[in-house]
Protein backbone atom coordinates (compact mmCIF):
# COMPACT_ATOMS: atom_id res chain seq x y z
CA MET A 1 0.00 0.00 0.00
CA LYS A 2 1.03 3.64 -0.35
CA LEU A 3 1.30 5.16 3.13
CA GLY A 4 1.30 8.90 3.71
CA LEU A 5 0.03 11.80 5.80
CA TYR A 6 -2.70 14.41 5.42
CA ASN A 7 -0.76 17.65 5.79
CA ALA A 8 -3.14 19.79 7.90
CA ILE A 9 -1.35 18.87 11.14
CA LEU A 10 1.87 20.31 9.66
CA HIS A 11 0.42 23.64 8.55
CA ASP A 12 2.67 25.24 11.17
CA ARG A 13 5.66 24.46 8.90
CA THR A 14 6.66 25.19 5.35
CA LEU A 15 5.97 22.55 2.71
CA PRO A 16 9.67 21.50 2.49
CA GLU A 17 9.76 21.15 6.29
CA ALA A 18 6.56 19.07 6.23
CA ILE A 19 8.00 16.84 3.51
CA ARG A 20 11.09 16.21 5.64
CA VAL A 21 8.93 15.19 8.63
CA ILE A 22 7.04 12.72 6.45
CA ALA A 23 10.19 11.26 4.90
CA ASP A 24 11.83 10.87 8.32
CA LEU A 25 8.84 8.80 9.45
CA GLY A 26 9.29 6.39 6.56
CA LEU A 27 6.10 7.52 4.80
CA THR A 28 6.02 8.26 1.09
CA GLY A 29 2.98 10.46 0.45
CA ILE A 30 1.49 13.81 1.40
CA GLU A 31 -2.19 14.62 0.94
CA ILE A 32 -2.32 18.38 0.50
CA ASN A 33 -5.13 20.62 1.72
CA THR A 34 -6.42 22.86 -1.07
CA GLY A 35 -9.39 24.67 0.50
CA GLY A 36 -12.71 24.09 2.20
CA PHE A 37 -12.63 24.37 5.98
CA LEU A 38 -8.88 25.05 5.93
CA PRO A 39 -6.79 27.27 3.65
CA ALA A 40 -4.33 25.89 1.11
CA VAL A 41 -1.34 26.74 3.30
CA HIS A 42 1.12 24.56 1.39
CA VAL A 43 0.02 25.72 -2.08
CA PRO A 44 0.70 29.47 -1.97
CA THR A 45 1.01 29.59 -5.79
CA PHE A 46 -2.37 27.87 -6.37
CA ASP A 47 -3.66 30.41 -8.91
CA ASP A 48 -0.33 30.55 -10.73
CA ILE A 49 -0.16 26.74 -11.04
CA LEU A 50 -3.56 26.69 -12.74
CA ASP A 51 -2.27 28.95 -15.52
CA SER A 52 1.52 28.65 -15.63
CA ASP A 53 3.57 25.59 -16.53
CA ALA A 54 6.59 27.21 -14.91
CA ALA A 55 4.73 27.68 -11.61
CA ARG A 56 3.51 24.09 -11.78
CA ASP A 57 6.99 22.76 -12.45
CA ASP A 58 8.47 24.86 -9.63
CA PHE A 59 5.92 23.43 -7.21
CA LEU A 60 6.49 19.85 -8.31
CA GLY A 61 10.22 20.45 -8.06
CA LEU A 62 9.85 20.75 -4.28
CA PHE A 63 9.25 16.98 -4.15
CA GLU A 64 12.15 15.88 -6.33
CA GLY A 65 14.64 13.67 -4.51
CA THR A 66 12.67 13.70 -1.23
CA GLY A 67 11.15 10.23 -1.44
CA VAL A 68 7.75 11.85 -0.85
CA GLU A 69 5.15 12.39 -3.55
CA ILE A 70 1.75 14.06 -3.63
CA ALA A 71 -0.86 11.53 -2.54
CA GLY A 72 -4.08 13.36 -3.36
CA LEU A 73 -5.60 16.76 -2.66
CA ASN A 74 -8.09 17.52 0.13
CA CYS A 75 -10.70 20.28 0.28
CA ASN A 76 -13.06 19.03 3.00
CA GLY A 77 -15.87 21.52 3.49
CA ASN A 78 -19.60 21.94 2.91
CA PRO A 79 -20.18 22.72 -0.79
CA LEU A 80 -23.96 22.51 -0.24
CA HIS A 81 -24.10 24.95 2.67
CA PRO A 82 -27.21 27.18 2.28
CA ASN A 83 -25.25 30.29 3.27
CA PRO A 84 -23.63 31.28 -0.04
CA VAL A 85 -20.68 32.87 1.74
CA ILE A 86 -19.74 29.33 2.82
CA GLY A 87 -21.41 27.03 0.31
CA GLU A 88 -20.40 28.81 -2.88
CA LYS A 89 -16.84 29.23 -1.63
CA HIS A 90 -16.48 25.55 -0.68
CA ALA A 91 -18.13 24.42 -3.94
CA GLU A 92 -15.65 26.51 -5.92
CA ASP A 93 -12.82 25.05 -3.84
CA VAL A 94 -13.91 21.58 -5.00
CA ARG A 95 -13.91 22.67 -8.64
CA ARG A 96 -10.56 24.43 -8.30
CA SER A 97 -9.06 21.40 -6.57
CA ILE A 98 -10.17 19.16 -9.44
CA ARG A 99 -8.48 21.49 -11.91
CA LEU A 100 -5.37 21.72 -9.73
CA ALA A 101 -5.19 17.93 -9.46
CA ALA A 102 -5.19 17.62 -13.23
CA ARG A 103 -2.42 20.22 -13.51
CA LEU A 104 -0.30 18.31 -10.97
CA GLY A 105 -0.86 14.89 -12.50
CA GLN A 106 -3.06 13.82 -9.59
CA HIS A 107 -6.19 11.70 -9.84
CA ARG A 108 -7.77 11.99 -6.36
CA VAL A 109 -9.54 14.87 -4.63
CA VAL A 110 -10.98 14.27 -1.15
CA THR A 111 -13.93 16.28 0.09
CA MET A 112 -17.34 15.82 1.76
CA SER A 113 -20.76 15.46 0.17
CA GLY A 114 -22.02 18.55 1.96
CA LEU A 115 -25.28 19.26 3.74
CA PRO A 116 -27.98 21.73 2.59
CA GLY A 117 -30.54 23.50 4.72
CA GLY A 118 -33.85 21.84 5.39
CA GLU A 119 -35.95 24.04 3.09
CA PRO A 120 -35.55 27.03 0.75
CA ASN A 121 -34.29 30.37 2.09
CA THR A 122 -32.55 28.96 5.17
CA ARG A 123 -28.96 29.79 6.15
CA ARG A 124 -28.06 26.82 8.37
CA PRO A 125 -27.54 23.16 7.39
CA ASN A 126 -29.99 20.63 8.78
CA TRP A 127 -28.76 17.08 9.46
CA ILE A 128 -31.62 14.61 9.82
CA VAL A 129 -30.30 11.98 12.24
CA ASN A 130 -33.42 9.82 12.58
CA ALA A 131 -36.15 10.35 9.99
CA TRP A 132 -38.98 8.73 11.92
CA ASN A 133 -41.54 11.40 10.89
CA SER A 134 -42.82 12.39 7.45
CA ALA A 135 -41.55 15.98 7.75
CA ALA A 136 -38.01 14.68 8.14
CA LEU A 137 -38.36 12.72 4.91
CA ASP A 138 -39.62 15.88 3.22
CA VAL A 139 -36.41 17.59 4.30
CA LEU A 140 -34.32 14.72 2.96
CA ASP A 141 -36.15 14.76 -0.39
CA TYR A 142 -35.34 18.46 -0.73
CA GLN A 143 -31.71 17.96 0.28
CA TRP A 144 -31.13 15.03 -2.06
CA GLN A 145 -32.39 17.04 -5.02
CA ILE A 146 -29.82 19.76 -4.28
CA ALA A 147 -27.06 17.22 -3.72
CA ALA A 148 -27.86 15.27 -6.89
CA ASP A 149 -27.73 18.39 -9.06
CA PHE A 150 -24.38 19.49 -7.60
CA TRP A 151 -22.68 16.11 -7.71
CA ARG A 152 -23.97 15.27 -11.19
CA GLU A 153 -22.34 18.45 -12.47
CA THR A 154 -19.18 17.89 -10.42
CA ASP A 155 -18.90 14.31 -11.68
CA ARG A 156 -18.83 15.63 -15.25
CA LEU A 157 -16.05 18.08 -14.36
CA ALA A 158 -14.05 15.36 -12.63
CA ARG A 159 -14.48 12.99 -15.57
CA ASP A 160 -13.31 15.68 -18.00
CA HIS A 161 -10.13 16.13 -15.92
CA ASP A 162 -9.47 12.41 -15.28
CA VAL A 163 -9.92 12.96 -11.54
CA LYS A 164 -11.93 10.92 -9.06
CA VAL A 165 -13.58 12.72 -6.15
CA ALA A 166 -13.54 10.73 -2.90
CA LEU A 167 -16.20 11.69 -0.35
CA GLU A 168 -15.34 11.26 3.31
CA LEU A 169 -18.20 9.45 5.07
CA HIS A 170 -18.52 12.15 7.68
CA PRO A 171 -21.60 12.63 9.90
CA GLN A 172 -23.38 15.96 9.51
CA ASN A 173 -23.18 15.35 5.77
CA LEU A 174 -25.83 13.89 3.51
CA VAL A 175 -23.51 11.03 2.52
CA PHE A 176 -22.17 9.39 5.68
CA ASN A 177 -22.75 5.62 5.38
CA SER A 178 -23.04 2.86 2.78
CA ALA A 179 -26.75 3.40 2.07
CA SER A 180 -26.26 7.11 1.36
CA VAL A 181 -23.29 6.36 -0.93
CA HIS A 182 -25.48 4.09 -3.03
CA LYS A 183 -28.27 6.65 -3.08
CA LEU A 184 -25.97 9.39 -4.40
CA ILE A 185 -24.61 7.13 -7.14
CA ASP A 186 -28.11 5.97 -8.08
CA LEU A 187 -29.41 9.55 -8.30
CA THR A 188 -26.47 10.93 -10.27
CA GLY A 189 -25.13 8.03 -12.29
CA ALA A 190 -21.70 9.25 -11.19
CA THR A 191 -18.61 7.40 -12.37
CA HIS A 192 -15.99 9.73 -10.90
CA VAL A 193 -17.50 10.32 -7.45
CA GLY A 194 -16.89 7.70 -4.78
CA VAL A 195 -15.58 7.29 -1.25
CA GLU A 196 -12.62 8.19 0.92
CA LEU A 197 -12.71 5.48 3.58
CA ASP A 198 -11.89 7.15 6.90
CA ALA A 199 -12.42 4.42 9.47
CA SER A 200 -12.70 6.81 12.41
CA HIS A 201 -16.17 8.14 11.60
CA LEU A 202 -17.42 4.62 11.04
CA PHE A 203 -16.09 3.37 14.38
CA TRP A 204 -18.05 5.80 16.50
CA GLN A 205 -21.24 5.15 14.52
CA GLN A 206 -20.80 1.44 15.42
CA MET A 207 -20.06 0.51 11.80
CA ASP A 208 -17.36 -1.95 10.77
CA PRO A 209 -14.86 -0.28 8.40
CA VAL A 210 -13.61 -3.61 7.04
CA ALA A 211 -17.17 -4.71 6.24
CA VAL A 212 -17.84 -1.33 4.59
CA VAL A 213 -14.73 -1.69 2.40
CA ARG A 214 -15.81 -5.18 1.36
CA HIS A 215 -19.32 -3.91 0.62
CA LEU A 216 -18.46 -0.75 -1.33
CA GLY A 217 -15.52 -2.26 -3.18
CA GLU A 218 -14.49 -0.24 -6.23
CA LEU A 219 -16.50 2.76 -5.05
CA ILE A 220 -13.62 3.37 -2.61
CA PHE A 221 -10.97 5.54 -4.22
CA HIS A 222 -8.83 6.67 -1.27
CA ALA A 223 -8.40 6.03 2.46
CA ALA A 224 -7.52 7.77 5.73
CA ALA A 225 -5.92 6.20 8.79
CA LYS A 226 -7.41 7.61 12.00
CA ASP A 227 -8.57 5.73 15.08
CA VAL A 228 -11.36 6.23 17.63
CA ARG A 229 -11.54 5.27 21.29
CA ILE A 230 -14.95 4.79 22.82
CA ASN A 231 -15.00 5.92 26.48
CA PRO A 232 -17.42 3.37 28.03
CA GLU A 233 -18.48 5.23 31.18
CA THR A 234 -19.53 8.42 29.37
CA ALA A 235 -20.90 6.60 26.34
CA ALA A 236 -23.08 4.47 28.64
CA LEU A 237 -24.71 7.66 29.96
CA ASN A 238 -24.77 9.98 26.93
CA GLY A 239 -24.35 7.76 23.87
CA VAL A 240 -22.22 8.62 20.86
CA LEU A 241 -24.51 11.47 19.75
CA ASP A 242 -23.78 13.56 22.86
CA ASN A 243 -24.02 17.27 22.01
CA SER A 244 -22.27 18.72 25.08
CA PHE A 245 -19.95 20.90 23.01
CA ARG A 246 -18.86 24.31 24.30
CA ARG A 247 -18.94 27.44 22.17
CA LEU A 248 -15.49 29.04 22.05
CA GLY A 249 -15.32 32.80 22.44
CA PRO A 250 -13.57 35.24 20.09
CA ASP A 251 -10.81 35.69 22.69
CA GLU A 252 -9.97 31.96 22.60
CA PRO A 253 -7.99 30.06 19.96
CA ARG A 254 -10.54 28.65 17.53
CA THR A 255 -10.81 27.46 13.93
CA ASN A 256 -13.02 29.27 11.44
CA LEU A 257 -15.05 26.90 9.26
CA GLY A 258 -16.24 29.58 6.86
CA GLY A 259 -18.38 32.69 7.24
CA ASP A 260 -19.57 33.02 10.83
CA GLU A 261 -19.08 29.34 11.73
CA TRP A 262 -16.39 28.11 14.15
CA ALA A 263 -15.30 24.77 15.56
CA ASN A 264 -16.49 24.16 19.12
CA GLU A 265 -14.69 22.64 22.08
CA TRP A 266 -15.08 18.87 22.36
CA PRO A 267 -17.38 17.54 25.16
CA LYS A 268 -15.71 16.98 28.53
CA PRO A 269 -15.86 14.16 29.50
CA SER A 270 -16.35 12.72 26.04
CA ALA A 271 -18.20 9.61 24.92
CA TRP A 272 -15.52 9.02 22.30
CA ASP A 273 -12.35 10.62 20.98
CA PHE A 274 -10.28 10.67 17.82
CA VAL A 275 -6.98 9.01 18.73
CA ALA A 276 -3.77 7.90 17.05
CA LEU A 277 -3.79 4.46 15.48
CA GLY A 278 -3.39 1.75 18.09
CA LYS A 279 -5.12 3.60 20.91
CA GLY A 280 -8.54 2.40 19.81
CA HIS A 281 -7.77 -0.67 17.70
CA PRO A 282 -4.59 -2.80 17.59
CA VAL A 283 -2.17 -3.47 14.75
CA GLU A 284 -4.07 -6.65 13.93
CA TYR A 285 -7.21 -4.67 13.13
CA TRP A 286 -5.36 -2.23 10.90
CA THR A 287 -3.74 -5.13 9.08
CA GLU A 288 -7.19 -6.41 8.12
CA PHE A 289 -8.29 -2.88 7.20
CA LEU A 290 -5.32 -2.60 4.83
CA ARG A 291 -6.03 -6.10 3.48
CA ALA A 292 -9.57 -5.10 2.54
CA LEU A 293 -8.30 -1.94 0.82
CA TYR A 294 -5.55 -3.92 -0.94
CA ASP A 295 -8.18 -6.22 -2.42
CA VAL A 296 -9.90 -3.15 -3.89
CA ASP A 297 -6.70 -1.45 -5.13
CA PRO A 298 -3.14 -2.51 -4.17
CA GLU A 299 -1.94 1.01 -5.07
CA MET A 300 -4.48 2.87 -2.93
CA CYS A 301 -3.17 5.79 -0.88
CA VAL A 302 -3.76 5.42 2.87
CA ASN A 303 -2.94 8.67 4.64
CA ILE A 304 -2.67 9.27 8.37
CA GLU A 305 -4.88 12.04 9.76
CA HIS A 306 -3.77 13.21 13.20
CA GLU A 307 -6.46 14.64 15.50
CA ASP A 308 -5.40 13.10 18.82
CA THR A 309 -5.46 16.01 21.28
CA GLU A 310 -3.63 13.92 23.90
CA LEU A 311 -0.51 13.82 21.72
CA GLY A 312 1.62 16.55 20.17
CA ARG A 313 1.84 17.07 16.42
CA ILE A 314 4.95 15.00 15.79
CA GLU A 315 4.33 12.63 18.70
CA GLY A 316 0.91 11.70 17.34
CA ILE A 317 2.14 11.22 13.79
CA GLU A 318 5.00 9.03 15.03
CA ALA A 319 2.61 6.84 17.02
CA ALA A 320 0.22 6.44 14.09
CA ALA A 321 3.03 5.79 11.59
CA LYS A 322 4.49 3.05 13.78
CA VAL A 323 1.18 1.18 13.88
CA LEU A 324 0.34 1.76 10.20
CA LYS A 325 3.77 0.56 9.03
CA ALA A 326 3.55 -2.49 11.28
CA ALA A 327 0.13 -3.31 9.83
CA ASP A 328 1.44 -2.88 6.29
CA ALA A 329 4.43 -5.11 7.04
CA ALA A 330 2.13 -7.79 8.45
CA LEU A 331 -0.04 -7.57 5.34
CA GLU A 332 2.97 -7.88 3.05
CA ALA A 333 4.27 -10.88 5.01
CA SER A 334 0.90 -12.62 4.76
CA LEU A 335 0.74 -12.06 1.00
CA VAL A 336 4.03 -13.83 0.36
CA ALA A 337 3.55 -16.61 2.93
């Protein structure tokens, strides 16, 4: 498998510095953020690359001789957000990322399906968690129409540029599980829109990532390596849908998600946490995860995403890389046995 790192955790460094960190860890790929919730920190010449061969070649030259190559682009955001300040910006980021991928010789762009509002003229997304009533299904019908129109058009753009768009199955998006993947493909007839398999979001929903890989098969284009730890005492009381988040004030460090939206502080105590690989599931599990992905595509990129707040930037990447490389080695050994 091709093992790498999603670069957002290294946005505090220059791109050459980030590449050195990745190479020193024995990884070979970097998935580069190109918009959405986060700015394209490591692509300062984005606009120039779209138009200038010299700018493109200068950017690609940064990777020469490093042992690290670009392993996909990432513009996670909400391209269907009903507030145009956010939605139109994130939708354009998806389109620009597709064009940038083609310019860089890349064939994978990671993003999210997005989530519209619940009816016309709203400015906030509406995630239907449990559509037990008819009004909730009315909302979903409205949202799916918006999503189908956007992703049908985006699929055509991706096909024209020989790029496949991989949707992260992320809750608070319209596409977040196997059933919703199939629904999007059925509604759009898409051939160049599929899945980025990030196991972490499946774990806390009580899904089995290996079973999902086996089920979706060739609809999976790309993968992320991030673990989840369920905290039994809190989960027993509040469940995994606990909404005890705290709003961060303007005087506190916080991440802007577009327009007037900001990331909140995680619940304390939490029912579950994103953790480095190995803190939720052992090497043996990740070996089987890689095996399932290998059966879909032996050349698939599997990139670490570090969001473990208990570990520092480099500390967390090191821990995850150790487990992921051990799992890959175990897979390789089993293939030649």
